Protein backbone atom coordinates (compact mmCIF):
# COMPACT_ATOMS: atom_id res chain seq x y z
CA UNK A 1 -0.14 -0.22 0.30
CA UNK A 2 1.16 3.24 -0.80
CA UNK A 3 0.11 6.60 0.56
CA UNK A 4 1.41 9.55 -0.51
CA UNK A 5 2.14 10.64 2.45
CA UNK A 6 4.83 8.43 2.26
CA UNK A 7 8.32 8.47 2.41
CA UNK A 8 11.38 5.47 1.74
CA UNK A 9 14.58 6.74 3.03
CA UNK A 10 17.05 4.14 1.63
CA UNK A 11 19.28 2.49 4.90
CA UNK A 12 22.54 4.01 3.01
CA UNK A 13 21.29 7.11 3.41
CA UNK A 14 20.65 7.58 7.09
CA UNK A 15 24.59 8.90 7.77
CA UNK A 16 24.67 12.21 9.51
CA UNK A 17 28.05 13.83 9.16
CA UNK A 18 29.08 16.82 11.34
CA UNK A 19 32.11 19.20 10.58
CA UNK A 20 34.59 19.84 12.62
CA UNK A 21 35.09 22.75 13.22
CA UNK A 22 31.30 22.63 14.90
CA UNK A 23 32.42 20.51 17.60
CA UNK A 24 32.57 23.01 20.41
CA UNK A 25 31.67 22.36 24.23
CA UNK A 26 30.40 25.35 26.13
CA UNK A 27 31.31 25.69 29.49
CA UNK A 28 29.51 28.35 31.90
CA UNK A 29 31.41 30.66 34.47
CA UNK A 30 30.50 29.67 38.02
CA UNK A 31 29.42 32.35 39.85
CA UNK A 32 31.89 33.12 42.72
CA UNK A 33 30.53 35.93 44.34
CA UNK A 34 30.12 36.27 47.63
CA UNK A 35 27.40 39.10 48.21
CA UNK A 36 28.64 40.75 51.75
CA UNK A 37 25.14 42.08 53.84
CA UNK A 38 25.21 45.81 54.95
CA UNK A 39 24.21 44.17 58.59
CA UNK A 40 24.73 40.51 59.83
CA UNK A 41 24.17 38.81 63.22
CA UNK A 42 26.93 36.82 61.96
CA UNK A 43 30.76 36.84 61.36
CA UNK A 44 31.09 34.21 58.40
CA UNK A 45 29.84 34.93 55.18
CA UNK A 46 28.93 31.22 54.24
CA UNK A 47 30.12 28.06 53.68
CA UNK A 48 31.11 27.18 49.82
CA UNK A 49 32.54 24.01 48.60
CA UNK A 50 36.25 24.04 46.12
CA UNK A 51 36.75 20.62 43.74
CA UNK A 52 39.47 19.35 44.89
CA UNK A 53 42.64 20.17 42.84
CA UNK A 54 41.42 23.12 41.33
CA UNK A 55 42.12 26.74 41.37
CA UNK A 56 39.05 29.06 41.91
CA UNK A 57 38.44 32.59 41.28
CA UNK A 58 36.49 34.15 44.62
CA UNK A 59 35.00 37.61 44.81
CA UNK A 60 33.88 38.74 47.58
CA UNK A 61 31.31 42.11 47.24
CA UNK A 62 31.78 44.61 50.32
CA UNK A 63 29.67 47.28 48.18
CA UNK A 64 27.11 46.91 50.11
CA UNK A 65 28.94 46.82 53.37
CA UNK A 66 30.61 49.75 52.79
CA UNK A 67 30.02 52.92 54.85
CA UNK A 68 29.19 56.03 51.77
CA UNK A 69 32.17 57.30 49.73
CA UNK A 70 34.54 54.84 51.63
CA UNK A 71 36.63 52.24 49.64
CA UNK A 72 38.86 49.55 50.47
CA UNK A 73 42.34 50.70 51.49
CA UNK A 74 43.94 46.98 52.36
CA UNK A 75 42.76 43.68 51.74
CA UNK A 76 44.30 40.24 53.76
CA UNK A 77 43.54 37.14 53.02
CA UNK A 78 44.23 33.65 55.19
CA UNK A 79 44.04 30.42 55.42
CA UNK A 80 45.51 27.54 57.77
CA UNK A 81 44.89 24.71 55.38
CA UNK A 82 48.11 23.30 53.97
CA UNK A 83 46.36 21.17 51.14
CA UNK A 84 44.06 24.47 49.91
CA UNK A 85 45.90 27.38 49.68
CA UNK A 86 45.58 31.34 48.95
CA UNK A 87 46.57 31.21 44.99
CA UNK A 88 48.87 33.68 43.02
CA UNK A 89 47.81 36.44 41.96
CA UNK A 90 48.22 37.72 45.47
CA UNK A 91 44.64 38.33 47.21
CA UNK A 92 43.65 42.11 46.01
CA UNK A 93 40.21 44.41 44.82
CA UNK A 94 38.81 46.30 42.33
CA UNK A 95 36.50 49.01 43.91
CA UNK A 96 33.89 47.56 46.32
CA UNK A 97 34.90 43.98 45.43
CA UNK A 98 38.43 41.38 46.81
CA UNK A 99 39.35 39.07 45.02
CA UNK A 100 41.41 36.02 46.10
CA UNK A 101 41.98 32.15 44.22
CA UNK A 102 41.79 28.97 46.49
CA UNK A 103 43.84 26.29 45.28
CA UNK A 104 44.49 22.37 45.65
CA UNK A 105 43.04 20.94 48.92
CA UNK A 106 42.33 17.65 49.38
CA UNK A 107 39.08 15.66 49.36
CA UNK A 108 36.66 15.94 52.23
CA UNK A 109 39.15 19.05 54.39
CA UNK A 110 36.95 21.53 55.63
CA UNK A 111 38.49 24.70 56.50
CA UNK A 112 37.98 28.37 57.33
CA UNK A 113 39.39 31.68 55.33
CA UNK A 114 40.02 34.97 56.94
CA UNK A 115 39.27 37.98 55.32
CA UNK A 116 40.24 41.01 57.11
CA UNK A 117 39.67 44.72 54.97
CA UNK A 118 40.22 48.47 55.75
CA UNK A 119 38.44 50.80 54.19
CA UNK A 120 39.05 54.51 53.88
CA UNK A 121 37.65 55.97 57.29
CA UNK A 122 39.36 53.62 59.59
CA UNK A 123 37.58 50.32 59.41
CA UNK A 124 38.42 47.09 59.63
CA UNK A 125 36.46 44.84 58.57
CA UNK A 126 36.85 40.48 59.55
CA UNK A 127 34.91 37.81 57.83
CA UNK A 128 35.11 33.75 58.08
CA UNK A 129 34.02 31.92 55.00
CA UNK A 130 33.89 28.29 55.36
CA UNK A 131 35.14 25.84 52.82
CA UNK A 132 34.63 21.91 52.47
CA UNK A 133 36.87 20.52 49.27
CA UNK A 134 34.64 18.43 46.92
CA UNK A 135 34.91 15.41 44.81
CA UNK A 136 35.54 16.69 40.44
């Protein structure tokens, strides 16, 4: 029985050719920004995950926490971990954001990163971020 709506495709024509130029995998950028609220009751900014062996860029956004017209003057970022360290380049700040790199880590390790930020009014702010190292 032959319908006018039926199309017969021979088996030898069922090959899809993909050109090499179109084999691209896009990996989206992970958002690693930690917002610092103006008023908070705890000194810990949050608990985050770090993938074992990775180097990750972290941004701590102090914009809402700084008094009007104050700017960051100095920053210190430290970690007691021997396997997951504050990497290079050294911690820095851009505008009201503190930027640091976290490198390495042992699976299952938990540790804290301590931040000390000094603003142009002489205020010194101490903050802590808890990290857990997870598998890739």
